[in-house]
Amino acid sequence: MANGGRCMPRKVRSRDFWSSVFEGSAVTNAKDASRKGRLKETFTSARTLGERNVKSRLTPEQVSQIRTRSSERWQKLAKEFAVTDVTIGHIVRRQTWKHLP
């Protein structure tokens, strides 16, 4: 790395955008972003549970509420929590969020 191992900064203040960019592999860039705190710490882990998963839309508290209210219509819960009724079913049947009681 000709520029001393620096990746492109998150916010480039200078007008010369390309002066701060250097070539690197996806792995190099991901490690650099992780080292600088720009990724969730578990982004690269093979299996990330719960809200630490980058694709998670729910918190453990919301999952607990869904399980408590599982007798209600799943479509209603899905609309309220902005997920699909299939997701609600998976949560209620403990196919997802298995690590929670």
N, C-alpha and C. Protein backbone atom coordinates (compact mmCIF):
# COMPACT_ATOMS: atom_id res chain seq x y z
N MET A 1 0.84 -1.18 0.00
CA MET A 1 0.00 0.00 0.00
C MET A 1 0.89 1.24 0.00
N ALA A 2 0.80 1.95 -1.05
CA ALA A 2 1.68 3.08 -1.25
C ALA A 2 1.40 4.24 -0.30
N ASN A 3 0.19 4.34 0.21
CA ASN A 3 -0.15 5.48 1.06
C ASN A 3 -0.10 5.16 2.55
N GLY A 4 0.62 4.13 2.93
CA GLY A 4 0.79 3.83 4.34
C GLY A 4 -0.38 3.11 4.98
N GLY A 5 -1.20 2.43 4.20
CA GLY A 5 -2.28 1.63 4.76
C GLY A 5 -3.53 2.40 5.13
N ARG A 6 -3.72 3.57 4.56
CA ARG A 6 -4.93 4.35 4.86
C ARG A 6 -6.01 4.07 3.84
N CYS A 7 -7.19 3.76 4.30
CA CYS A 7 -8.34 3.62 3.41
C CYS A 7 -9.01 4.98 3.26
N MET A 8 -9.96 5.04 2.36
CA MET A 8 -10.68 6.28 2.12
C MET A 8 -11.43 6.68 3.39
N PRO A 9 -11.30 7.92 3.85
CA PRO A 9 -12.02 8.36 5.04
C PRO A 9 -13.52 8.42 4.78
N ARG A 10 -14.30 8.29 5.85
CA ARG A 10 -15.75 8.29 5.72
C ARG A 10 -16.26 9.60 5.10
N LYS A 11 -15.78 10.71 5.58
CA LYS A 11 -16.17 12.01 5.03
C LYS A 11 -14.91 12.67 4.48
N VAL A 12 -14.92 12.89 3.20
CA VAL A 12 -13.76 13.52 2.56
C VAL A 12 -14.01 15.02 2.55
N ARG A 13 -13.12 15.75 3.20
CA ARG A 13 -13.30 17.20 3.30
C ARG A 13 -12.73 17.94 2.10
N SER A 14 -11.71 17.37 1.48
CA SER A 14 -11.10 18.07 0.35
C SER A 14 -11.93 17.87 -0.91
N ARG A 15 -11.74 18.73 -1.86
CA ARG A 15 -12.45 18.61 -3.13
C ARG A 15 -11.84 17.50 -3.98
N ASP A 16 -10.59 17.15 -3.70
CA ASP A 16 -9.91 16.13 -4.48
C ASP A 16 -10.22 14.75 -3.89
N PHE A 17 -11.39 14.23 -4.22
CA PHE A 17 -11.88 12.96 -3.69
C PHE A 17 -10.92 11.81 -3.95
N TRP A 18 -10.44 11.69 -5.15
CA TRP A 18 -9.64 10.52 -5.54
C TRP A 18 -8.26 10.49 -4.90
N SER A 19 -7.80 11.60 -4.36
CA SER A 19 -6.48 11.58 -3.72
C SER A 19 -6.48 10.76 -2.44
N SER A 20 -7.64 10.53 -1.85
CA SER A 20 -7.71 9.79 -0.60
C SER A 20 -8.07 8.32 -0.81
N VAL A 21 -8.25 7.90 -2.05
CA VAL A 21 -8.66 6.53 -2.35
C VAL A 21 -7.45 5.72 -2.80
N PHE A 22 -7.37 4.47 -2.34
CA PHE A 22 -6.32 3.58 -2.82
C PHE A 22 -6.92 2.22 -3.11
N GLU A 23 -6.23 1.44 -3.90
CA GLU A 23 -6.72 0.12 -4.24
C GLU A 23 -6.51 -0.83 -3.09
N GLY A 24 -7.44 -1.73 -2.93
CA GLY A 24 -7.34 -2.76 -1.90
C GLY A 24 -8.43 -3.79 -2.11
N SER A 25 -8.22 -4.96 -1.54
CA SER A 25 -9.22 -6.01 -1.69
C SER A 25 -10.40 -5.75 -0.76
N ALA A 26 -11.48 -6.48 -0.97
CA ALA A 26 -12.65 -6.35 -0.11
C ALA A 26 -12.29 -6.72 1.32
N VAL A 27 -11.45 -7.74 1.49
CA VAL A 27 -11.04 -8.17 2.83
C VAL A 27 -10.24 -7.07 3.51
N THR A 28 -9.30 -6.46 2.78
CA THR A 28 -8.50 -5.38 3.33
C THR A 28 -9.38 -4.22 3.76
N ASN A 29 -10.33 -3.84 2.92
CA ASN A 29 -11.22 -2.74 3.24
C ASN A 29 -12.13 -3.05 4.43
N ALA A 30 -12.63 -4.30 4.50
CA ALA A 30 -13.49 -4.69 5.62
C ALA A 30 -12.71 -4.66 6.93
N LYS A 31 -11.48 -5.17 6.91
CA LYS A 31 -10.66 -5.15 8.12
C LYS A 31 -10.36 -3.72 8.55
N ASP A 32 -10.07 -2.86 7.56
CA ASP A 32 -9.78 -1.47 7.87
C ASP A 32 -11.01 -0.78 8.47
N ALA A 33 -12.18 -1.02 7.88
CA ALA A 33 -13.42 -0.42 8.38
C ALA A 33 -13.73 -0.92 9.79
N SER A 34 -13.51 -2.21 10.02
CA SER A 34 -13.75 -2.78 11.34
C SER A 34 -12.80 -2.19 12.37
N ARG A 35 -11.53 -2.06 12.02
CA ARG A 35 -10.52 -1.50 12.91
C ARG A 35 -10.86 -0.06 13.29
N LYS A 36 -11.49 0.67 12.36
CA LYS A 36 -11.82 2.07 12.60
C LYS A 36 -13.23 2.24 13.18
N GLY A 37 -13.90 1.12 13.49
CA GLY A 37 -15.21 1.19 14.12
C GLY A 37 -16.34 1.56 13.18
N ARG A 38 -16.18 1.28 11.91
CA ARG A 38 -17.22 1.64 10.93
C ARG A 38 -18.16 0.49 10.64
N LEU A 39 -17.90 -0.67 11.20
CA LEU A 39 -18.76 -1.83 11.04
C LEU A 39 -19.19 -2.30 12.41
N LYS A 40 -20.33 -2.99 12.47
CA LYS A 40 -20.69 -3.63 13.72
C LYS A 40 -19.62 -4.66 14.01
N GLU A 41 -19.26 -4.82 15.26
CA GLU A 41 -18.12 -5.67 15.60
C GLU A 41 -18.30 -7.11 15.16
N THR A 42 -19.52 -7.58 15.02
CA THR A 42 -19.73 -8.97 14.65
C THR A 42 -20.11 -9.13 13.19
N PHE A 43 -19.91 -8.12 12.39
CA PHE A 43 -20.30 -8.15 10.98
C PHE A 43 -19.70 -9.33 10.25
N THR A 44 -18.46 -9.66 10.54
CA THR A 44 -17.77 -10.71 9.81
C THR A 44 -17.97 -12.09 10.43
N SER A 45 -18.66 -12.18 11.56
CA SER A 45 -18.85 -13.48 12.19
C SER A 45 -19.80 -14.32 11.37
N ALA A 46 -19.59 -15.63 11.38
CA ALA A 46 -20.38 -16.55 10.57
C ALA A 46 -21.84 -16.59 11.01
N ARG A 47 -22.08 -16.55 12.32
CA ARG A 47 -23.45 -16.61 12.81
C ARG A 47 -23.61 -15.62 13.94
N THR A 48 -24.30 -14.56 13.67
CA THR A 48 -24.51 -13.52 14.65
C THR A 48 -25.95 -13.57 15.12
N LEU A 49 -26.16 -13.61 16.42
CA LEU A 49 -27.49 -13.77 16.98
C LEU A 49 -28.14 -12.44 17.33
N GLY A 50 -29.47 -12.43 17.22
CA GLY A 50 -30.27 -11.32 17.72
C GLY A 50 -29.99 -9.99 17.06
N GLU A 51 -30.10 -8.92 17.85
CA GLU A 51 -30.00 -7.59 17.30
C GLU A 51 -28.59 -7.22 16.88
N ARG A 52 -27.60 -8.03 17.23
CA ARG A 52 -26.23 -7.77 16.78
C ARG A 52 -26.05 -8.17 15.32
N ASN A 53 -27.00 -8.93 14.79
CA ASN A 53 -26.98 -9.28 13.38
C ASN A 53 -27.35 -8.03 12.58
N VAL A 54 -26.58 -7.73 11.55
CA VAL A 54 -26.80 -6.49 10.81
C VAL A 54 -28.14 -6.44 10.09
N LYS A 55 -28.75 -7.59 9.86
CA LYS A 55 -30.05 -7.61 9.17
C LYS A 55 -31.24 -7.61 10.12
N SER A 56 -30.97 -7.61 11.41
CA SER A 56 -32.03 -7.67 12.40
C SER A 56 -32.87 -6.40 12.39
N ARG A 57 -34.18 -6.58 12.48
CA ARG A 57 -35.09 -5.43 12.56
C ARG A 57 -35.73 -5.30 13.93
N LEU A 58 -35.55 -6.31 14.77
CA LEU A 58 -36.21 -6.33 16.07
C LEU A 58 -35.19 -6.35 17.20
N THR A 59 -35.65 -5.91 18.37
CA THR A 59 -34.82 -5.97 19.57
C THR A 59 -35.32 -7.16 20.41
N PRO A 60 -34.53 -7.61 21.37
CA PRO A 60 -34.99 -8.68 22.26
C PRO A 60 -36.29 -8.34 22.99
N GLU A 61 -36.47 -7.08 23.34
CA GLU A 61 -37.70 -6.66 24.02
C GLU A 61 -38.91 -6.85 23.10
N GLN A 62 -38.75 -6.49 21.83
CA GLN A 62 -39.85 -6.65 20.88
C GLN A 62 -40.18 -8.13 20.67
N VAL A 63 -39.15 -8.96 20.58
CA VAL A 63 -39.37 -10.40 20.42
C VAL A 63 -40.13 -10.94 21.62
N SER A 64 -39.78 -10.49 22.80
CA SER A 64 -40.47 -10.91 24.01
C SER A 64 -41.95 -10.50 23.97
N GLN A 65 -42.20 -9.29 23.51
CA GLN A 65 -43.59 -8.81 23.38
C GLN A 65 -44.35 -9.67 22.37
N ILE A 66 -43.72 -9.99 21.27
CA ILE A 66 -44.38 -10.80 20.24
C ILE A 66 -44.75 -12.17 20.81
N ARG A 67 -43.83 -12.78 21.54
CA ARG A 67 -44.12 -14.10 22.11
C ARG A 67 -45.22 -14.03 23.17
N THR A 68 -45.25 -12.95 23.93
CA THR A 68 -46.28 -12.77 24.94
C THR A 68 -47.65 -12.60 24.29
N ARG A 69 -47.67 -11.92 23.17
CA ARG A 69 -48.93 -11.61 22.48
C ARG A 69 -49.21 -12.57 21.32
N SER A 70 -48.66 -13.76 21.36
CA SER A 70 -48.76 -14.70 20.23
C SER A 70 -50.19 -15.16 19.94
N SER A 71 -51.11 -14.96 20.87
CA SER A 71 -52.50 -15.35 20.62
C SER A 71 -53.22 -14.36 19.71
N GLU A 72 -52.64 -13.18 19.53
CA GLU A 72 -53.24 -12.19 18.62
C GLU A 72 -52.95 -12.60 17.17
N ARG A 73 -53.69 -11.98 16.26
CA ARG A 73 -53.47 -12.27 14.83
C ARG A 73 -52.05 -11.86 14.43
N TRP A 74 -51.36 -12.79 13.77
CA TRP A 74 -49.98 -12.54 13.40
C TRP A 74 -49.85 -11.41 12.39
N GLN A 75 -50.86 -11.23 11.54
CA GLN A 75 -50.82 -10.14 10.57
C GLN A 75 -50.83 -8.79 11.29
N LYS A 76 -51.61 -8.71 12.37
CA LYS A 76 -51.68 -7.47 13.14
C LYS A 76 -50.32 -7.19 13.81
N LEU A 77 -49.74 -8.21 14.40
CA LEU A 77 -48.42 -8.05 15.03
C LEU A 77 -47.37 -7.68 13.99
N ALA A 78 -47.45 -8.31 12.84
CA ALA A 78 -46.49 -8.04 11.77
C ALA A 78 -46.55 -6.58 11.35
N LYS A 79 -47.74 -6.06 11.20
CA LYS A 79 -47.90 -4.67 10.81
C LYS A 79 -47.35 -3.73 11.89
N GLU A 80 -47.65 -4.06 13.15
CA GLU A 80 -47.21 -3.23 14.27
C GLU A 80 -45.67 -3.20 14.40
N PHE A 81 -45.02 -4.34 14.15
CA PHE A 81 -43.57 -4.42 14.31
C PHE A 81 -42.81 -4.28 12.99
N ALA A 82 -43.51 -3.99 11.91
CA ALA A 82 -42.92 -3.76 10.59
C ALA A 82 -42.09 -4.95 10.09
N VAL A 83 -42.66 -6.15 10.26
CA VAL A 83 -42.06 -7.36 9.72
C VAL A 83 -43.18 -8.16 9.05
N THR A 84 -42.86 -9.31 8.50
CA THR A 84 -43.90 -10.12 7.85
C THR A 84 -44.56 -11.06 8.86
N ASP A 85 -45.73 -11.56 8.50
CA ASP A 85 -46.39 -12.52 9.38
C ASP A 85 -45.60 -13.83 9.46
N VAL A 86 -44.84 -14.14 8.43
CA VAL A 86 -43.96 -15.31 8.45
C VAL A 86 -42.89 -15.14 9.53
N THR A 87 -42.34 -13.95 9.62
CA THR A 87 -41.34 -13.66 10.66
C THR A 87 -41.95 -13.83 12.04
N ILE A 88 -43.17 -13.34 12.22
CA ILE A 88 -43.86 -13.49 13.51
C ILE A 88 -44.02 -14.98 13.83
N GLY A 89 -44.43 -15.76 12.86
CA GLY A 89 -44.58 -17.21 13.06
C GLY A 89 -43.28 -17.87 13.47
N HIS A 90 -42.19 -17.49 12.82
CA HIS A 90 -40.88 -18.06 13.16
C HIS A 90 -40.49 -17.71 14.60
N ILE A 91 -40.78 -16.49 15.00
CA ILE A 91 -40.45 -16.06 16.36
C ILE A 91 -41.29 -16.84 17.38
N VAL A 92 -42.59 -16.93 17.13
CA VAL A 92 -43.50 -17.61 18.06
C VAL A 92 -43.13 -19.09 18.19
N ARG A 93 -42.78 -19.74 17.07
CA ARG A 93 -42.42 -21.16 17.08
C ARG A 93 -40.96 -21.39 17.46
N ARG A 94 -40.26 -20.30 17.79
CA ARG A 94 -38.84 -20.34 18.20
C ARG A 94 -37.92 -20.92 17.13
N GLN A 95 -38.28 -20.68 15.87
CA GLN A 95 -37.38 -21.06 14.79
C GLN A 95 -36.30 -19.99 14.61
N THR A 96 -36.60 -18.79 15.05
CA THR A 96 -35.61 -17.71 15.09
C THR A 96 -35.60 -17.16 16.51
N TRP A 97 -34.57 -16.45 16.85
CA TRP A 97 -34.38 -15.89 18.18
C TRP A 97 -34.43 -17.01 19.23
N LYS A 98 -33.83 -18.16 18.90
CA LYS A 98 -33.83 -19.32 19.79
C LYS A 98 -33.07 -19.07 21.08
N HIS A 99 -32.13 -18.17 21.04
CA HIS A 99 -31.29 -17.92 22.20
C HIS A 99 -32.02 -17.16 23.32
N LEU A 100 -33.21 -16.63 23.02
CA LEU A 100 -33.99 -15.91 24.04
C LEU A 100 -34.95 -16.87 24.71
N PRO A 101 -35.22 -16.66 26.00
CA PRO A 101 -36.16 -17.55 26.70
C PRO A 101 -37.59 -17.36 26.22
